[in-house]
Structures are given as C-alpha cells and as structure tokens.
N, C-alpha and C. Protein backbone atom coordinates (compact mmCIF):
# COMPACT_ATOMS: atom_id res chain seq x y z
N ASP A 1 15.84 -14.71 25.45
CA ASP A 1 17.12 -14.98 24.90
C ASP A 1 16.99 -15.85 23.65
N ARG A 2 16.11 -16.88 23.79
CA ARG A 2 15.84 -17.78 22.64
C ARG A 2 15.29 -17.05 21.43
N ALA A 3 14.35 -16.12 21.70
CA ALA A 3 13.66 -15.48 20.59
C ALA A 3 14.50 -14.52 19.78
N TYR A 4 15.50 -13.86 20.45
CA TYR A 4 16.34 -12.90 19.83
C TYR A 4 17.72 -13.49 19.46
N GLY A 5 18.09 -14.64 19.98
CA GLY A 5 19.39 -15.19 19.71
C GLY A 5 20.49 -14.47 20.49
N ARG A 6 20.14 -13.73 21.50
CA ARG A 6 21.10 -13.05 22.31
C ARG A 6 20.48 -12.73 23.68
N PRO A 7 21.21 -12.44 24.66
CA PRO A 7 20.61 -12.16 25.99
C PRO A 7 19.61 -11.02 25.97
N HIS A 8 18.52 -11.16 26.72
CA HIS A 8 17.52 -10.13 26.68
C HIS A 8 18.06 -8.80 27.32
N SER A 9 19.14 -8.89 28.03
CA SER A 9 19.75 -7.66 28.59
C SER A 9 20.37 -6.78 27.49
N GLU A 10 20.64 -7.45 26.32
CA GLU A 10 21.18 -6.64 25.22
C GLU A 10 20.10 -6.08 24.33
N VAL A 11 18.87 -6.48 24.58
CA VAL A 11 17.76 -6.03 23.78
C VAL A 11 16.94 -4.96 24.52
N PHE A 12 16.78 -5.21 25.83
CA PHE A 12 15.95 -4.29 26.63
C PHE A 12 16.78 -3.63 27.72
N ALA A 13 16.41 -2.40 28.10
CA ALA A 13 17.04 -1.76 29.19
C ALA A 13 16.79 -2.42 30.52
N SER A 14 15.48 -2.88 30.64
CA SER A 14 15.07 -3.71 31.75
C SER A 14 14.01 -4.68 31.36
N PHE A 15 13.89 -5.81 32.00
CA PHE A 15 12.98 -6.83 31.66
C PHE A 15 12.53 -7.57 32.96
N ASP A 16 11.24 -7.53 33.21
CA ASP A 16 10.65 -8.20 34.35
C ASP A 16 10.43 -9.63 34.03
N ARG A 17 11.19 -10.52 34.69
CA ARG A 17 11.08 -11.98 34.35
C ARG A 17 9.77 -12.60 34.85
N ILE A 18 9.09 -11.97 35.73
CA ILE A 18 7.85 -12.50 36.25
C ILE A 18 6.72 -12.01 35.30
N PRO A 19 5.99 -12.92 34.70
CA PRO A 19 4.97 -12.56 33.73
C PRO A 19 3.79 -11.87 34.46
N VAL A 20 3.20 -10.87 33.78
CA VAL A 20 2.06 -10.14 34.29
C VAL A 20 0.73 -10.85 33.76
N ALA A 21 0.90 -11.65 32.77
CA ALA A 21 -0.24 -12.40 32.22
C ALA A 21 0.32 -13.69 31.63
N SER A 22 -0.40 -14.72 31.80
CA SER A 22 0.04 -16.05 31.28
C SER A 22 -1.11 -16.89 30.75
N ALA A 23 -0.95 -17.49 29.61
CA ALA A 23 -2.00 -18.34 29.01
C ALA A 23 -1.33 -19.57 28.44
N SER A 24 -2.11 -20.41 27.88
CA SER A 24 -1.58 -21.73 27.37
C SER A 24 -0.61 -21.60 26.20
N VAL A 25 -0.68 -20.57 25.46
CA VAL A 25 0.18 -20.39 24.28
C VAL A 25 1.35 -19.42 24.49
N ALA A 26 1.08 -18.37 25.25
CA ALA A 26 2.09 -17.33 25.45
C ALA A 26 1.95 -16.68 26.80
N GLN A 27 2.93 -15.81 27.15
CA GLN A 27 2.85 -15.04 28.38
C GLN A 27 3.42 -13.64 28.08
N VAL A 28 3.01 -12.74 28.95
CA VAL A 28 3.36 -11.27 28.79
C VAL A 28 4.22 -10.77 29.91
N HIS A 29 5.31 -10.06 29.54
CA HIS A 29 6.24 -9.49 30.51
C HIS A 29 6.31 -7.97 30.26
N PHE A 30 6.51 -7.20 31.33
CA PHE A 30 6.74 -5.79 31.17
C PHE A 30 8.25 -5.57 31.03
N ALA A 31 8.65 -4.62 30.21
CA ALA A 31 10.05 -4.30 29.90
C ALA A 31 10.17 -2.80 29.55
N THR A 32 11.45 -2.42 29.43
CA THR A 32 11.73 -1.05 29.00
C THR A 32 12.73 -1.10 27.83
N LEU A 33 12.42 -0.37 26.79
CA LEU A 33 13.29 -0.32 25.62
C LEU A 33 14.50 0.56 25.97
N PRO A 34 15.57 0.43 25.15
CA PRO A 34 16.85 1.24 25.39
C PRO A 34 16.61 2.68 25.43
N ASP A 35 15.54 3.19 24.70
CA ASP A 35 15.23 4.64 24.73
C ASP A 35 14.29 5.03 25.81
N GLY A 36 13.97 4.08 26.70
CA GLY A 36 13.11 4.40 27.86
C GLY A 36 11.69 4.15 27.76
N ARG A 37 11.15 3.76 26.53
CA ARG A 37 9.77 3.52 26.36
C ARG A 37 9.38 2.24 27.13
N GLU A 38 8.26 2.31 27.87
CA GLU A 38 7.77 1.19 28.63
C GLU A 38 6.95 0.35 27.72
N VAL A 39 7.15 -1.00 27.68
CA VAL A 39 6.50 -1.92 26.74
C VAL A 39 5.98 -3.18 27.45
N ALA A 40 5.07 -3.80 26.75
CA ALA A 40 4.62 -5.15 27.09
C ALA A 40 5.16 -6.10 26.04
N VAL A 41 5.78 -7.22 26.47
CA VAL A 41 6.43 -8.16 25.59
C VAL A 41 5.66 -9.51 25.68
N LYS A 42 5.06 -9.92 24.58
CA LYS A 42 4.42 -11.14 24.48
C LYS A 42 5.29 -12.21 23.90
N ILE A 43 5.45 -13.33 24.57
CA ILE A 43 6.44 -14.36 24.09
C ILE A 43 5.78 -15.68 24.03
N LEU A 44 5.87 -16.39 22.90
CA LEU A 44 5.37 -17.74 22.81
C LEU A 44 6.11 -18.69 23.79
N ARG A 45 5.40 -19.66 24.27
CA ARG A 45 6.04 -20.67 25.20
C ARG A 45 6.99 -21.55 24.34
N PRO A 46 8.14 -21.91 24.90
CA PRO A 46 9.04 -22.77 24.17
C PRO A 46 8.38 -24.08 23.82
N GLY A 47 8.55 -24.55 22.57
CA GLY A 47 8.06 -25.86 22.17
C GLY A 47 6.54 -25.98 21.97
N ILE A 48 5.85 -24.77 22.06
CA ILE A 48 4.36 -24.87 21.94
C ILE A 48 3.88 -25.32 20.65
N ARG A 49 4.60 -25.03 19.58
CA ARG A 49 4.15 -25.42 18.29
C ARG A 49 4.10 -26.97 18.13
N GLY A 50 5.09 -27.63 18.61
CA GLY A 50 5.14 -29.10 18.65
C GLY A 50 4.02 -29.71 19.45
N VAL A 51 3.78 -29.10 20.64
CA VAL A 51 2.72 -29.59 21.52
C VAL A 51 1.37 -29.47 20.82
N ILE A 52 1.11 -28.34 20.25
CA ILE A 52 -0.17 -28.15 19.55
C ILE A 52 -0.31 -29.05 18.31
N ALA A 53 0.77 -29.26 17.60
CA ALA A 53 0.70 -30.17 16.45
C ALA A 53 0.30 -31.58 16.83
N ASN A 54 0.82 -32.03 17.99
CA ASN A 54 0.53 -33.33 18.50
C ASN A 54 -0.99 -33.42 18.90
N ASP A 55 -1.39 -32.35 19.61
CA ASP A 55 -2.78 -32.31 20.08
C ASP A 55 -3.79 -32.26 18.91
N VAL A 56 -3.41 -31.51 17.81
CA VAL A 56 -4.26 -31.44 16.64
C VAL A 56 -4.33 -32.79 15.97
N SER A 57 -3.26 -33.46 15.88
CA SER A 57 -3.23 -34.82 15.32
C SER A 57 -4.19 -35.78 16.02
N LEU A 58 -4.19 -35.69 17.33
CA LEU A 58 -5.05 -36.48 18.12
C LEU A 58 -6.55 -36.12 17.88
N LEU A 59 -6.79 -34.78 17.78
CA LEU A 59 -8.15 -34.33 17.49
C LEU A 59 -8.61 -34.87 16.09
N TYR A 60 -7.73 -34.84 15.10
CA TYR A 60 -8.10 -35.33 13.80
C TYR A 60 -8.48 -36.84 13.88
N ALA A 61 -7.67 -37.60 14.63
CA ALA A 61 -7.92 -39.04 14.78
C ALA A 61 -9.29 -39.30 15.41
N LEU A 62 -9.55 -38.54 16.43
CA LEU A 62 -10.84 -38.65 17.17
C LEU A 62 -11.95 -38.28 16.26
N ALA A 63 -11.73 -37.14 15.54
CA ALA A 63 -12.87 -36.63 14.66
C ALA A 63 -13.17 -37.67 13.56
N ARG A 64 -12.15 -38.32 12.99
CA ARG A 64 -12.38 -39.33 11.93
C ARG A 64 -13.15 -40.55 12.51
N LEU A 65 -12.81 -40.87 13.79
CA LEU A 65 -13.41 -41.96 14.41
C LEU A 65 -14.88 -41.74 14.74
N VAL A 66 -15.17 -40.61 15.38
CA VAL A 66 -16.60 -40.36 15.77
C VAL A 66 -17.36 -39.93 14.52
N GLY A 67 -16.70 -39.43 13.47
CA GLY A 67 -17.37 -39.00 12.25
C GLY A 67 -18.05 -40.14 11.53
N ARG A 68 -17.76 -41.41 11.90
CA ARG A 68 -18.36 -42.50 11.22
C ARG A 68 -19.76 -42.80 11.82
N LEU A 69 -20.05 -42.20 12.95
CA LEU A 69 -21.42 -42.41 13.60
C LEU A 69 -22.42 -41.58 12.87
N PRO A 70 -23.56 -42.17 12.53
CA PRO A 70 -24.59 -41.44 11.79
C PRO A 70 -25.01 -40.11 12.38
N ASP A 71 -25.19 -40.14 13.73
CA ASP A 71 -25.66 -38.92 14.40
C ASP A 71 -24.60 -37.83 14.47
N VAL A 72 -23.36 -38.20 14.33
CA VAL A 72 -22.30 -37.19 14.41
C VAL A 72 -21.76 -36.72 13.08
N ARG A 73 -21.97 -37.53 12.03
CA ARG A 73 -21.47 -37.19 10.71
C ARG A 73 -21.91 -35.86 10.22
N ARG A 74 -23.21 -35.49 10.47
CA ARG A 74 -23.78 -34.22 10.01
C ARG A 74 -23.11 -33.04 10.67
N LEU A 75 -22.38 -33.23 11.80
CA LEU A 75 -21.68 -32.13 12.44
C LEU A 75 -20.33 -31.85 11.85
N ARG A 76 -19.88 -32.76 10.94
CA ARG A 76 -18.63 -32.55 10.22
C ARG A 76 -17.47 -32.33 11.20
N PRO A 77 -17.20 -33.26 12.03
CA PRO A 77 -16.09 -33.10 13.07
C PRO A 77 -14.73 -32.82 12.49
N VAL A 78 -14.40 -33.40 11.34
CA VAL A 78 -13.07 -33.18 10.73
C VAL A 78 -12.94 -31.76 10.31
N GLU A 79 -14.02 -31.14 9.77
CA GLU A 79 -14.00 -29.72 9.32
C GLU A 79 -13.90 -28.83 10.57
N VAL A 80 -14.48 -29.19 11.70
CA VAL A 80 -14.46 -28.44 12.92
C VAL A 80 -12.96 -28.40 13.40
N VAL A 81 -12.35 -29.57 13.35
CA VAL A 81 -10.94 -29.59 13.78
C VAL A 81 -10.05 -28.75 12.83
N ALA A 82 -10.33 -28.83 11.51
CA ALA A 82 -9.56 -28.01 10.60
C ALA A 82 -9.71 -26.56 10.81
N GLU A 83 -10.90 -26.08 11.20
CA GLU A 83 -11.05 -24.66 11.50
C GLU A 83 -10.32 -24.30 12.74
N PHE A 84 -10.29 -25.21 13.76
CA PHE A 84 -9.53 -24.95 14.99
C PHE A 84 -8.03 -24.86 14.63
N GLU A 85 -7.60 -25.80 13.78
CA GLU A 85 -6.15 -25.73 13.41
C GLU A 85 -5.76 -24.47 12.75
N HIS A 86 -6.64 -23.95 11.87
CA HIS A 86 -6.37 -22.71 11.18
C HIS A 86 -6.27 -21.58 12.21
N THR A 87 -7.26 -21.55 13.13
CA THR A 87 -7.29 -20.44 14.09
C THR A 87 -6.08 -20.43 15.07
N ILE A 88 -5.77 -21.63 15.58
CA ILE A 88 -4.65 -21.76 16.50
C ILE A 88 -3.36 -21.46 15.77
N GLY A 89 -3.29 -21.78 14.48
CA GLY A 89 -2.05 -21.53 13.71
C GLY A 89 -1.88 -20.04 13.63
N ASP A 90 -2.92 -19.31 13.44
CA ASP A 90 -2.75 -17.79 13.39
C ASP A 90 -2.21 -17.26 14.75
N GLU A 91 -2.70 -17.83 15.84
CA GLU A 91 -2.27 -17.39 17.18
C GLU A 91 -0.79 -17.68 17.41
N LEU A 92 -0.20 -18.67 16.75
CA LEU A 92 1.17 -19.01 16.96
C LEU A 92 2.17 -18.15 16.13
N ASP A 93 1.67 -17.24 15.32
CA ASP A 93 2.51 -16.35 14.58
C ASP A 93 2.32 -14.94 15.12
N LEU A 94 3.21 -14.52 15.95
CA LEU A 94 3.02 -13.18 16.55
C LEU A 94 3.25 -12.01 15.56
N MET A 95 3.86 -12.25 14.47
CA MET A 95 3.97 -11.22 13.41
C MET A 95 2.60 -11.00 12.84
N ARG A 96 1.81 -12.06 12.70
CA ARG A 96 0.44 -11.87 12.24
C ARG A 96 -0.41 -11.11 13.26
N GLU A 97 -0.19 -11.45 14.52
CA GLU A 97 -0.96 -10.71 15.57
C GLU A 97 -0.55 -9.26 15.57
N ALA A 98 0.75 -8.98 15.38
CA ALA A 98 1.22 -7.58 15.36
C ALA A 98 0.58 -6.82 14.18
N ALA A 99 0.43 -7.47 13.02
CA ALA A 99 -0.24 -6.89 11.85
C ALA A 99 -1.67 -6.57 12.19
N ASN A 100 -2.37 -7.58 12.90
CA ASN A 100 -3.74 -7.36 13.29
C ASN A 100 -3.88 -6.13 14.21
N ALA A 101 -3.01 -6.04 15.21
CA ALA A 101 -3.05 -4.89 16.10
C ALA A 101 -2.84 -3.58 15.35
N SER A 102 -1.88 -3.55 14.43
CA SER A 102 -1.63 -2.33 13.67
C SER A 102 -2.79 -1.93 12.78
N GLN A 103 -3.49 -2.86 12.18
CA GLN A 103 -4.63 -2.63 11.38
C GLN A 103 -5.79 -2.02 12.24
N LEU A 104 -6.01 -2.65 13.36
CA LEU A 104 -7.12 -2.20 14.25
C LEU A 104 -6.80 -0.80 14.77
N ARG A 105 -5.51 -0.59 15.08
CA ARG A 105 -5.10 0.73 15.53
C ARG A 105 -5.33 1.82 14.43
N ARG A 106 -5.03 1.49 13.19
CA ARG A 106 -5.25 2.41 12.12
C ARG A 106 -6.75 2.73 12.00
N ASN A 107 -7.60 1.73 12.17
CA ASN A 107 -9.05 1.87 12.05
C ASN A 107 -9.63 2.80 13.21
N PHE A 108 -8.96 2.87 14.32
CA PHE A 108 -9.40 3.72 15.43
C PHE A 108 -8.33 4.69 15.83
N LEU A 109 -7.64 5.28 14.82
CA LEU A 109 -6.52 6.12 15.08
C LEU A 109 -6.90 7.40 15.85
N ASP A 110 -8.14 7.83 15.76
CA ASP A 110 -8.51 9.01 16.55
C ASP A 110 -8.65 8.71 18.04
N ALA A 111 -8.65 7.41 18.41
CA ALA A 111 -8.74 7.00 19.83
C ALA A 111 -9.95 7.53 20.57
N ARG A 112 -10.97 7.98 19.80
CA ARG A 112 -12.12 8.54 20.54
C ARG A 112 -12.89 7.43 21.33
N LEU A 113 -12.95 6.22 20.75
CA LEU A 113 -13.68 5.15 21.36
C LEU A 113 -12.74 4.08 21.93
N LEU A 114 -11.70 3.77 21.18
CA LEU A 114 -10.88 2.59 21.45
C LEU A 114 -9.41 2.87 21.42
N ILE A 115 -8.69 2.44 22.43
CA ILE A 115 -7.24 2.58 22.47
C ILE A 115 -6.64 1.27 22.01
N VAL A 116 -5.79 1.29 20.96
CA VAL A 116 -5.05 0.10 20.60
C VAL A 116 -3.56 0.43 20.69
N PRO A 117 -2.82 -0.25 21.59
CA PRO A 117 -1.37 0.07 21.79
C PRO A 117 -0.59 0.01 20.48
N GLU A 118 0.40 0.89 20.38
CA GLU A 118 1.26 0.88 19.20
C GLU A 118 2.24 -0.33 19.25
N VAL A 119 2.39 -0.96 18.11
CA VAL A 119 3.36 -2.08 17.98
C VAL A 119 4.76 -1.51 17.61
N TYR A 120 5.78 -2.05 18.30
CA TYR A 120 7.12 -1.61 17.98
C TYR A 120 7.78 -2.75 17.10
N TRP A 121 7.67 -2.55 15.84
CA TRP A 121 8.05 -3.61 14.85
C TRP A 121 9.50 -4.03 14.92
N ASP A 122 10.36 -3.13 15.28
CA ASP A 122 11.82 -3.47 15.28
C ASP A 122 12.10 -4.57 16.26
N TRP A 123 11.22 -4.80 17.26
CA TRP A 123 11.48 -5.82 18.33
C TRP A 123 10.54 -7.00 18.15
N CYS A 124 9.84 -7.17 17.01
CA CYS A 124 8.91 -8.23 16.79
C CYS A 124 9.46 -9.31 15.90
N ASN A 125 9.10 -10.52 16.18
CA ASN A 125 9.27 -11.67 15.22
C ASN A 125 8.18 -12.72 15.47
N ARG A 126 8.32 -13.87 14.86
CA ARG A 126 7.17 -14.82 14.99
C ARG A 126 6.95 -15.26 16.44
N ASP A 127 7.95 -15.14 17.30
CA ASP A 127 7.86 -15.62 18.64
C ASP A 127 7.67 -14.51 19.67
N VAL A 128 7.89 -13.28 19.29
CA VAL A 128 7.81 -12.13 20.19
C VAL A 128 7.05 -10.99 19.57
N MET A 129 6.17 -10.40 20.35
CA MET A 129 5.54 -9.17 19.97
C MET A 129 5.73 -8.08 21.03
N VAL A 130 6.15 -6.89 20.66
CA VAL A 130 6.40 -5.85 21.58
C VAL A 130 5.51 -4.65 21.27
N MET A 131 4.81 -4.14 22.28
CA MET A 131 3.92 -3.06 22.06
C MET A 131 3.93 -2.16 23.24
N ARG A 132 3.46 -0.92 23.03
CA ARG A 132 3.43 0.06 24.18
C ARG A 132 2.61 -0.46 25.31
N ARG A 133 3.15 -0.24 26.47
CA ARG A 133 2.51 -0.63 27.71
C ARG A 133 1.39 0.28 28.03
N VAL A 134 0.22 -0.30 28.32
CA VAL A 134 -0.94 0.49 28.70
C VAL A 134 -1.52 -0.12 30.01
N ASP A 135 -2.10 0.71 30.83
CA ASP A 135 -2.65 0.35 32.05
C ASP A 135 -4.15 0.55 32.13
N GLY A 136 -4.89 -0.34 32.72
CA GLY A 136 -6.33 -0.20 32.81
C GLY A 136 -6.97 -1.19 33.75
N ILE A 137 -8.27 -1.19 33.87
CA ILE A 137 -9.03 -2.08 34.68
C ILE A 137 -9.83 -3.07 33.81
N PRO A 138 -9.84 -4.36 34.08
CA PRO A 138 -10.62 -5.28 33.28
C PRO A 138 -12.07 -4.80 33.22
N VAL A 139 -12.69 -5.01 32.07
CA VAL A 139 -14.02 -4.35 31.83
C VAL A 139 -15.07 -4.95 32.76
N ASN A 140 -14.83 -6.17 33.31
CA ASN A 140 -15.83 -6.82 34.17
C ASN A 140 -15.61 -6.42 35.60
N ALA A 141 -14.68 -5.67 35.94
CA ALA A 141 -14.40 -5.24 37.34
C ALA A 141 -15.23 -4.02 37.63
N VAL A 142 -16.56 -4.17 37.67
CA VAL A 142 -17.46 -3.03 37.68
C VAL A 142 -17.33 -2.14 38.91
N GLU A 143 -17.12 -2.77 40.09
CA GLU A 143 -16.94 -1.95 41.26
C GLU A 143 -15.72 -1.02 41.23
N ARG A 144 -14.64 -1.59 40.66
CA ARG A 144 -13.42 -0.82 40.57
C ARG A 144 -13.67 0.35 39.53
N LEU A 145 -14.43 0.08 38.50
CA LEU A 145 -14.70 1.14 37.51
C LEU A 145 -15.53 2.24 38.17
N ARG A 146 -16.45 1.88 39.02
CA ARG A 146 -17.24 2.92 39.70
C ARG A 146 -16.38 3.69 40.67
N GLU A 147 -15.49 3.03 41.31
CA GLU A 147 -14.58 3.75 42.26
C GLU A 147 -13.77 4.78 41.51
N GLU A 148 -13.48 4.50 40.21
CA GLU A 148 -12.69 5.41 39.44
C GLU A 148 -13.58 6.47 38.73
N LYS A 149 -14.91 6.47 39.15
CA LYS A 149 -15.85 7.43 38.56
C LYS A 149 -16.03 7.26 37.02
N ILE A 150 -15.98 6.02 36.60
CA ILE A 150 -16.24 5.72 35.16
C ILE A 150 -17.72 5.70 34.94
N ASP A 151 -18.20 6.38 33.88
CA ASP A 151 -19.56 6.34 33.54
C ASP A 151 -19.94 5.03 32.87
N ILE A 152 -20.58 4.15 33.62
CA ILE A 152 -20.87 2.75 33.17
C ILE A 152 -21.84 2.76 31.96
N LYS A 153 -22.83 3.67 32.03
CA LYS A 153 -23.80 3.72 30.92
C LYS A 153 -23.13 4.16 29.64
N ARG A 154 -22.26 5.15 29.71
CA ARG A 154 -21.57 5.63 28.52
C ARG A 154 -20.63 4.51 27.98
N LEU A 155 -20.01 3.76 28.91
CA LEU A 155 -19.12 2.72 28.60
C LEU A 155 -19.92 1.66 27.82
N ALA A 156 -21.09 1.31 28.27
CA ALA A 156 -21.90 0.38 27.56
C ALA A 156 -22.27 0.82 26.14
N ARG A 157 -22.68 2.11 26.05
CA ARG A 157 -23.01 2.63 24.69
C ARG A 157 -21.75 2.56 23.79
N ASP A 158 -20.60 2.96 24.32
CA ASP A 158 -19.38 2.95 23.55
C ASP A 158 -18.98 1.54 23.09
N GLY A 159 -19.24 0.59 23.99
CA GLY A 159 -18.96 -0.81 23.64
C GLY A 159 -19.75 -1.32 22.41
N VAL A 160 -21.03 -0.95 22.41
CA VAL A 160 -21.85 -1.32 21.26
C VAL A 160 -21.41 -0.61 20.00
N GLU A 161 -21.09 0.69 20.14
CA GLU A 161 -20.64 1.46 19.00
C GLU A 161 -19.30 0.88 18.43
N ILE A 162 -18.40 0.55 19.33
CA ILE A 162 -17.09 -0.03 18.91
C ILE A 162 -17.35 -1.30 18.10
N PHE A 163 -18.17 -2.20 18.59
CA PHE A 163 -18.34 -3.47 17.89
C PHE A 163 -18.98 -3.25 16.57
N PHE A 164 -20.06 -2.45 16.49
CA PHE A 164 -20.75 -2.27 15.17
C PHE A 164 -19.83 -1.51 14.22
N THR A 165 -18.97 -0.55 14.71
CA THR A 165 -18.07 0.15 13.91
C THR A 165 -17.09 -0.88 13.27
N GLN A 166 -16.55 -1.74 14.06
CA GLN A 166 -15.64 -2.79 13.53
C GLN A 166 -16.29 -3.64 12.45
N VAL A 167 -17.50 -4.09 12.75
CA VAL A 167 -18.18 -4.98 11.81
C VAL A 167 -18.64 -4.31 10.57
N PHE A 168 -19.44 -3.23 10.70
CA PHE A 168 -20.15 -2.64 9.58
C PHE A 168 -19.36 -1.54 8.85
N ARG A 169 -18.49 -0.84 9.52
CA ARG A 169 -17.66 0.17 8.82
C ARG A 169 -16.41 -0.45 8.28
N ASP A 170 -15.69 -1.23 9.12
CA ASP A 170 -14.33 -1.71 8.69
C ASP A 170 -14.36 -3.17 8.17
N GLY A 171 -15.36 -3.96 8.58
CA GLY A 171 -15.33 -5.37 8.15
C GLY A 171 -14.14 -6.09 8.77
N PHE A 172 -13.66 -5.63 9.89
CA PHE A 172 -12.47 -6.23 10.56
C PHE A 172 -12.66 -6.04 12.02
N PHE A 173 -12.79 -7.16 12.83
CA PHE A 173 -13.16 -7.02 14.21
C PHE A 173 -12.43 -7.94 15.10
N HIS A 174 -12.28 -7.56 16.34
CA HIS A 174 -11.68 -8.30 17.35
C HIS A 174 -12.65 -9.42 17.71
N ALA A 175 -12.15 -10.72 17.57
CA ALA A 175 -13.06 -11.87 17.71
C ALA A 175 -12.81 -12.64 18.99
N ASP A 176 -12.15 -12.00 19.97
CA ASP A 176 -11.87 -12.65 21.24
C ASP A 176 -12.02 -11.70 22.35
N MET A 177 -13.26 -11.11 22.43
CA MET A 177 -13.49 -9.96 23.32
C MET A 177 -13.97 -10.39 24.71
N HIS A 178 -13.17 -11.23 25.38
CA HIS A 178 -13.52 -11.53 26.79
C HIS A 178 -12.81 -10.51 27.69
N PRO A 179 -13.21 -10.47 29.01
CA PRO A 179 -12.69 -9.44 29.89
C PRO A 179 -11.19 -9.45 30.03
N GLY A 180 -10.52 -10.56 29.80
CA GLY A 180 -9.05 -10.52 29.84
C GLY A 180 -8.39 -9.77 28.77
N ASN A 181 -9.15 -9.48 27.71
CA ASN A 181 -8.59 -8.73 26.60
C ASN A 181 -9.10 -7.33 26.44
N ILE A 182 -10.12 -6.94 27.26
CA ILE A 182 -10.71 -5.61 27.12
C ILE A 182 -10.57 -4.90 28.49
N PHE A 183 -9.87 -3.77 28.49
CA PHE A 183 -9.64 -2.99 29.67
C PHE A 183 -10.26 -1.63 29.49
N VAL A 184 -10.34 -0.86 30.61
CA VAL A 184 -10.76 0.50 30.56
C VAL A 184 -9.68 1.42 31.18
N GLY A 185 -9.33 2.42 30.45
CA GLY A 185 -8.25 3.33 30.86
C GLY A 185 -8.68 4.15 32.04
N VAL A 186 -7.75 4.34 32.99
CA VAL A 186 -8.05 5.10 34.15
C VAL A 186 -7.10 6.29 34.30
N ASP A 187 -6.15 6.43 33.36
CA ASP A 187 -5.20 7.55 33.45
C ASP A 187 -5.94 8.82 32.94
N PRO A 188 -5.41 10.01 33.21
CA PRO A 188 -6.11 11.23 32.79
C PRO A 188 -6.41 11.35 31.27
N VAL A 189 -5.45 10.82 30.47
CA VAL A 189 -5.56 10.91 29.01
C VAL A 189 -6.67 9.96 28.48
N ASN A 190 -6.65 8.74 28.92
CA ASN A 190 -7.54 7.74 28.36
C ASN A 190 -8.63 7.39 29.35
N HIS A 191 -8.97 8.21 30.24
CA HIS A 191 -9.95 7.88 31.31
C HIS A 191 -11.27 7.51 30.73
N GLY A 192 -11.73 6.32 31.08
CA GLY A 192 -13.05 5.82 30.63
C GLY A 192 -13.09 5.26 29.25
N LYS A 193 -11.98 5.18 28.54
CA LYS A 193 -11.95 4.63 27.22
C LYS A 193 -11.57 3.13 27.14
N TYR A 194 -12.10 2.41 26.28
CA TYR A 194 -11.79 1.00 26.12
C TYR A 194 -10.35 0.88 25.62
N ILE A 195 -9.67 -0.16 26.10
CA ILE A 195 -8.32 -0.57 25.62
C ILE A 195 -8.43 -2.02 25.16
N ALA A 196 -8.04 -2.26 23.92
CA ALA A 196 -8.06 -3.60 23.36
C ALA A 196 -6.68 -4.23 23.46
N LEU A 197 -6.62 -5.49 23.80
CA LEU A 197 -5.43 -6.31 23.90
C LEU A 197 -5.63 -7.67 23.18
N ASP A 198 -4.55 -8.36 22.90
CA ASP A 198 -4.55 -9.71 22.35
C ASP A 198 -5.32 -9.80 21.01
N PHE A 199 -4.54 -9.71 19.97
CA PHE A 199 -5.14 -9.63 18.66
C PHE A 199 -4.85 -10.90 17.82
N GLY A 200 -4.75 -12.01 18.49
CA GLY A 200 -4.46 -13.26 17.79
C GLY A 200 -5.62 -13.81 17.00
N ILE A 201 -6.86 -13.52 17.42
CA ILE A 201 -8.08 -13.98 16.74
C ILE A 201 -8.86 -12.79 16.29
N MET A 202 -8.89 -12.58 15.01
CA MET A 202 -9.65 -11.43 14.39
C MET A 202 -10.66 -12.04 13.39
N GLY A 203 -11.74 -11.25 13.17
CA GLY A 203 -12.71 -11.72 12.16
C GLY A 203 -12.81 -10.67 11.03
N THR A 204 -13.19 -11.15 9.88
CA THR A 204 -13.36 -10.22 8.73
C THR A 204 -14.64 -10.53 8.02
N LEU A 205 -15.21 -9.49 7.38
CA LEU A 205 -16.39 -9.57 6.59
C LEU A 205 -16.10 -9.02 5.20
C-alpha cells in the first residue's frame, strides 16, 4: 500500500501477504496481476534507508578511529566503508535492480543456458520490483536435483560457461551468485536450466 499510494488490492488481482523470501533489506511476495500473470513482488522494508544511513555513519566513525592505527591504515578502512555504502545504495534502488535484470535478460535472451525472469516495468518503482514468477530448486539442493533427473555434470559445465560468458563476452555479470539467488528449473520447458534471481549487485568490466 505504501509503495503504490493505494491499496494493493487495487494493484494486484491477488497478493500473498506471507513472504516467500525475506532478507535484511527486502522481502518477496507472490501475487497475480489483473491480467492473470503470476509474479514475484520484491518490496523494500519500510524505513530501511534510514536504518542503513545510521549504520553507515557508525561504520565511518569506526573506520576513521581504527584508521589511525599504523597496522590498520594500509587497509584503508574509510575507503572500504565507502565501497560498501556505494554497493548497498545500489541495492536500495529497485529501479536500478530492475534495469540490471533486464540487461542480463537481454544478454541471455535465447535462454539456452540461463533463465532471467521478465521485469514488468509498469508495476516497478524505487521501492517495488515486479517480475515474472519462476519456480525452481536451489542449486545447492543436490539430492533434490538428482530426484528430478537433472544432469549434474552438465549443470556444472553450464555454470562455468554462464559465468565466463557474462565476464568475457558481455562484461556484465551477476556478482551475488550464492545458492539463494541461483535456482534450477524443473518444469518441462526450463528443465535443468539455471534461473538467476536478485540483481541488486552486478559487476562490470
């Protein structure tokens, strides 16, 4: 309601108030658009920008304090905090994340190796990102993957090819590739293919 300035019932045909994923900065809910498309809705936590601003201020104070020590000065703690501030700032703008997702999707548009869900821009703003709902198994749930008859060796080869393609062909890569963000499709269309999620932290060359 806060993100759109009107009740969510006027925006979505249905909205599951219980999050399917939750982290320190945002959480994800499943919903249905008025035209029936099933979507995942990522929403920033209320007041999170102020909380992070306060935390970053404390980190700067600590960095300046310990930066006076000879053994610590060479580590440039203030610059480390500045890099963190830049990165977390990007994560707090879901329009930027939506743009990242769209760029990565264009780079892998043939979907041979990697599935990147489509972003629905008409429902996005700085606090909300809406994209097509996709289902899969976390990449580290190896036994479940085997139960689904996923070729683990091929999956490993594809993972290497995906990463090197991002880095050396496109110069634009997913920089937060932990198992919570990388799934494997089990539906008939995307069976055995990687699915990328959470595009708040990307790298460029």
